[in-house]
Protein backbone atom coordinates (compact mmCIF):
# COMPACT_ATOMS: atom_id res chain seq x y z
CA MET A 1 268.44 118.32 311.59
CA VAL A 2 267.65 114.70 312.46
CA ILE A 3 264.92 112.85 310.57
CA ALA A 4 263.28 110.16 312.69
CA ALA A 5 263.00 106.75 311.07
CA PRO A 6 259.41 105.69 310.35
CA THR A 7 257.86 102.72 312.11
CA LEU A 8 257.79 99.85 309.64
CA ASN A 9 256.02 96.50 309.52
CA PHE A 10 259.11 94.56 308.48
CA LYS A 11 262.54 93.75 309.93
CA PRO A 12 264.72 96.76 310.85
CA LYS A 13 267.58 95.24 308.80
CA GLN A 14 265.47 95.74 305.68
CA ALA A 15 264.68 99.32 306.66
CA THR A 16 268.38 100.17 306.51
CA LEU A 17 269.01 99.05 302.94
CA PRO A 18 272.01 100.73 301.30
CA VAL A 19 269.96 102.95 298.99
CA LYS A 20 271.60 105.85 297.14
CA SER A 21 269.22 108.69 297.95
CA PHE A 22 266.59 109.99 300.33
CA LEU A 23 264.04 109.70 297.50
CA GLN A 24 264.75 105.97 297.10
CA ARG A 25 264.27 105.44 300.84
CA LEU A 26 261.04 107.44 300.72
CA MET A 27 259.78 105.26 297.85
CA LEU A 28 260.55 102.14 299.90
CA VAL A 29 258.67 103.16 303.03
CA THR A 30 255.80 105.35 301.81
CA ASP A 31 252.31 104.01 302.27
CA GLY A 32 251.09 106.50 299.69
CA ARG A 33 250.84 106.22 295.93
CA ILE A 34 254.28 105.93 294.39
CA THR A 35 252.88 107.14 291.04
CA ASP A 36 252.52 110.66 292.46
CA ILE A 37 256.15 110.62 293.65
CA ILE A 38 257.37 109.47 290.22
CA GLN A 39 255.32 112.15 288.42
CA ALA A 40 256.63 114.88 290.73
CA TYR A 41 260.20 113.65 290.23
CA SER A 42 260.01 113.18 286.46
CA GLY A 43 257.82 116.15 285.61
CA GLU A 44 255.63 114.03 283.35
CA THR A 45 252.44 112.00 283.54
CA VAL A 46 252.92 108.25 283.84
CA GLU A 47 250.63 105.45 282.78
CA ALA A 48 250.44 101.73 283.53
CA VAL A 49 251.56 99.75 280.49
CA LYS A 50 250.36 96.17 280.92
CA LEU A 51 252.91 93.52 280.09
CA HIS A 52 250.94 90.52 281.28
CA GLN A 53 247.53 89.87 282.82
CA LYS A 54 245.73 86.59 283.44
CA LEU A 55 243.47 84.76 285.86
CA VAL A 56 245.38 82.28 288.05
CA LYS A 57 244.68 80.05 291.03
CA CYS A 58 246.11 81.24 294.34
CA ASP A 59 249.16 79.37 295.62
CA SER A 60 251.15 79.31 298.86
CA GLN A 61 253.33 82.30 297.86
CA LEU A 62 250.21 84.45 298.20
CA SER A 63 249.34 83.38 301.76
CA SER A 64 249.34 87.04 302.83
CA LEU A 65 246.13 87.51 300.80
CA GLN A 66 244.33 85.15 303.22
CA LEU A 67 242.57 83.15 300.51
CA GLU A 68 241.29 79.62 300.23
CA SER A 69 243.56 77.28 298.32
CA LYS A 70 242.99 77.46 294.55
CA GLN A 71 240.88 80.64 294.77
CA GLN A 72 241.29 82.75 291.61
CA VAL A 73 243.17 86.05 291.45
CA ILE A 74 244.27 88.30 288.61
CA GLU A 75 248.03 88.20 288.10
CA ARG A 76 249.23 91.36 286.40
CA SER A 77 252.61 92.83 285.46
CA ILE A 78 253.02 96.45 284.38
CA VAL A 79 255.59 99.18 283.94
CA LEU A 80 254.87 102.75 284.96
CA GLN A 81 255.97 104.59 281.85
CA GLY A 82 256.31 108.29 281.12
CA THR A 83 253.74 109.33 278.52
CA THR A 84 256.18 111.74 276.83
CA SER A 85 259.63 110.21 277.33
CA LYS A 86 258.46 106.56 277.22
CA THR A 87 260.89 105.96 280.12
CA ASN A 88 260.01 102.95 282.28
CA TYR A 89 260.29 104.24 285.84
CA LEU A 90 258.97 101.23 287.75
CA TYR A 91 257.99 97.58 287.21
CA ALA A 92 255.21 96.00 289.29
CA ASP A 93 253.72 92.55 289.79
CA SER A 94 250.22 92.57 291.28
CA TYR A 95 247.79 89.93 292.49
CA LEU A 96 244.20 91.19 292.70
CA VAL A 97 241.46 89.38 294.62
CA LEU A 98 238.44 89.83 292.35
CA GLU A 99 235.65 89.31 294.86
CA ARG A 100 237.17 91.89 297.23
CA LEU A 101 237.08 94.63 294.60
CA ASP A 102 234.19 96.89 293.67
CA PRO A 103 232.88 95.79 290.22
CA GLU A 104 233.62 99.19 288.66
CA ILE A 105 237.19 99.20 290.00
CA ARG A 106 237.66 95.59 288.89
CA ASN A 107 236.63 96.46 285.31
CA LYS A 108 238.85 99.55 285.18
CA LEU A 109 241.83 97.58 286.51
CA ILE A 110 241.32 94.97 283.81
CA PHE A 111 240.69 97.33 280.89
CA SER A 112 242.32 100.72 281.60
CA ARG A 113 245.90 102.02 281.52
CA GLN A 114 245.60 103.87 284.81
CA PRO A 115 247.81 102.95 287.78
CA ILE A 116 246.02 101.16 290.64
CA GLY A 117 246.53 103.99 293.14
CA LYS A 118 245.07 106.57 290.76
CA LEU A 119 241.96 104.43 290.15
CA LEU A 120 241.42 103.98 293.89
CA ARG A 121 241.81 107.72 294.53
CA GLU A 122 239.54 108.82 291.66
CA ASN A 123 236.82 106.44 292.85
CA LYS A 124 237.31 107.49 296.49
CA ILE A 125 238.02 103.93 297.64
CA GLU A 126 239.42 103.87 301.18
CA THR A 127 242.44 101.62 301.53
CA TYR A 128 245.26 100.84 303.91
CA ARG A 129 248.70 99.79 302.68
CA GLU A 130 250.88 97.44 304.71
CA ILE A 131 254.48 96.99 303.61
CA ILE A 132 255.49 93.35 304.12
CA ASP A 133 258.94 93.15 302.50
CA CYS A 134 261.66 95.13 300.75
CA GLY A 135 265.17 94.53 299.52
CA ILE A 136 267.74 94.73 296.76
CA GLU A 137 268.26 92.02 294.13
CA PRO A 138 269.79 91.56 290.66
CA ALA A 139 267.60 92.88 287.84
CA GLY A 140 267.72 89.59 285.92
CA LYS A 141 264.94 89.40 283.31
CA LEU A 142 263.64 92.85 284.28
CA ALA A 143 266.82 94.53 283.00
CA LYS A 144 265.34 94.91 279.51
CA TYR A 145 262.57 97.20 280.81
CA PHE A 146 265.09 99.63 282.30
CA LYS A 147 267.88 99.29 279.70
CA ILE A 148 270.35 98.08 282.34
CA GLU A 149 272.54 94.99 282.73
CA ALA A 150 271.01 91.80 284.19
CA ASN A 151 273.43 91.94 287.13
CA ALA A 152 272.55 95.57 287.95
CA GLU A 153 270.73 95.97 291.25
CA ILE A 154 267.06 96.80 291.62
CA ILE A 155 265.22 97.87 294.74
CA TYR A 156 261.90 96.21 295.52
CA ARG A 157 259.09 96.51 298.02
CA THR A 158 256.05 94.29 298.50
CA TYR A 159 252.90 95.52 300.17
CA LEU A 160 249.27 94.63 300.70
CA VAL A 161 246.36 96.91 299.85
CA LEU A 162 243.57 96.28 302.35
CA MET A 163 239.93 97.17 301.69
CA ASN A 164 237.28 96.72 304.36
CA GLY A 165 239.95 95.13 306.56
CA LEU A 166 240.84 92.38 304.07
CA PRO A 167 243.83 92.14 301.71
CA ALA A 168 242.52 92.86 298.21
CA MET A 169 245.89 93.18 296.45
CA GLN A 170 249.51 92.18 296.85
CA ILE A 171 251.88 94.40 294.89
CA THR A 172 255.64 94.19 294.40
CA GLU A 173 257.24 97.30 292.90
CA LYS A 174 260.79 97.34 291.52
CA PHE A 175 263.13 100.02 290.20
CA PRO A 176 266.88 100.19 289.48
CA THR A 177 269.24 101.58 292.10
CA SER A 178 270.38 103.97 289.35
CA HIS A 179 266.91 105.63 289.28
CA PHE A 180 265.74 108.43 291.60
CA VAL A 181 269.19 109.41 292.86
CA ASP A 182 268.99 113.22 292.47
């Protein structure tokens, strides 16, 4: 059986990353909620454990959000962690454009432990995800979250979450190449 490659919004070279399993490739290219994939794989509920969250002014690295210079966004870092095993399955950096979010969603994102995708689904918020980058890099400072060496490789993908046709979030998700290999 031949599985056709999906059409992607980034360079074909990046779509052929040397990942170790079909599940890793699926996690790179899916435009769905990765939380559901992790829960199905792990057999446990996961929650977003916030590591860092603050209001920052937009800079040039966030040009994909189509904002005015110095406009404020929430910068947030989390790990998706198993509620039973306390295993960190995924690390994510997010930039959230406050004025493009429904006030109820904005408050829940700031104060709850629910993953972004789950909040959007539960509140029936229509979104479109556009993958803008992916790759493999050394874990570096993120190694401590996964109990791996700093030179171990992690897989990452960056995507936009669009609401009403405008980018409301930029999210970069990362996980070790040693995860999701079954």
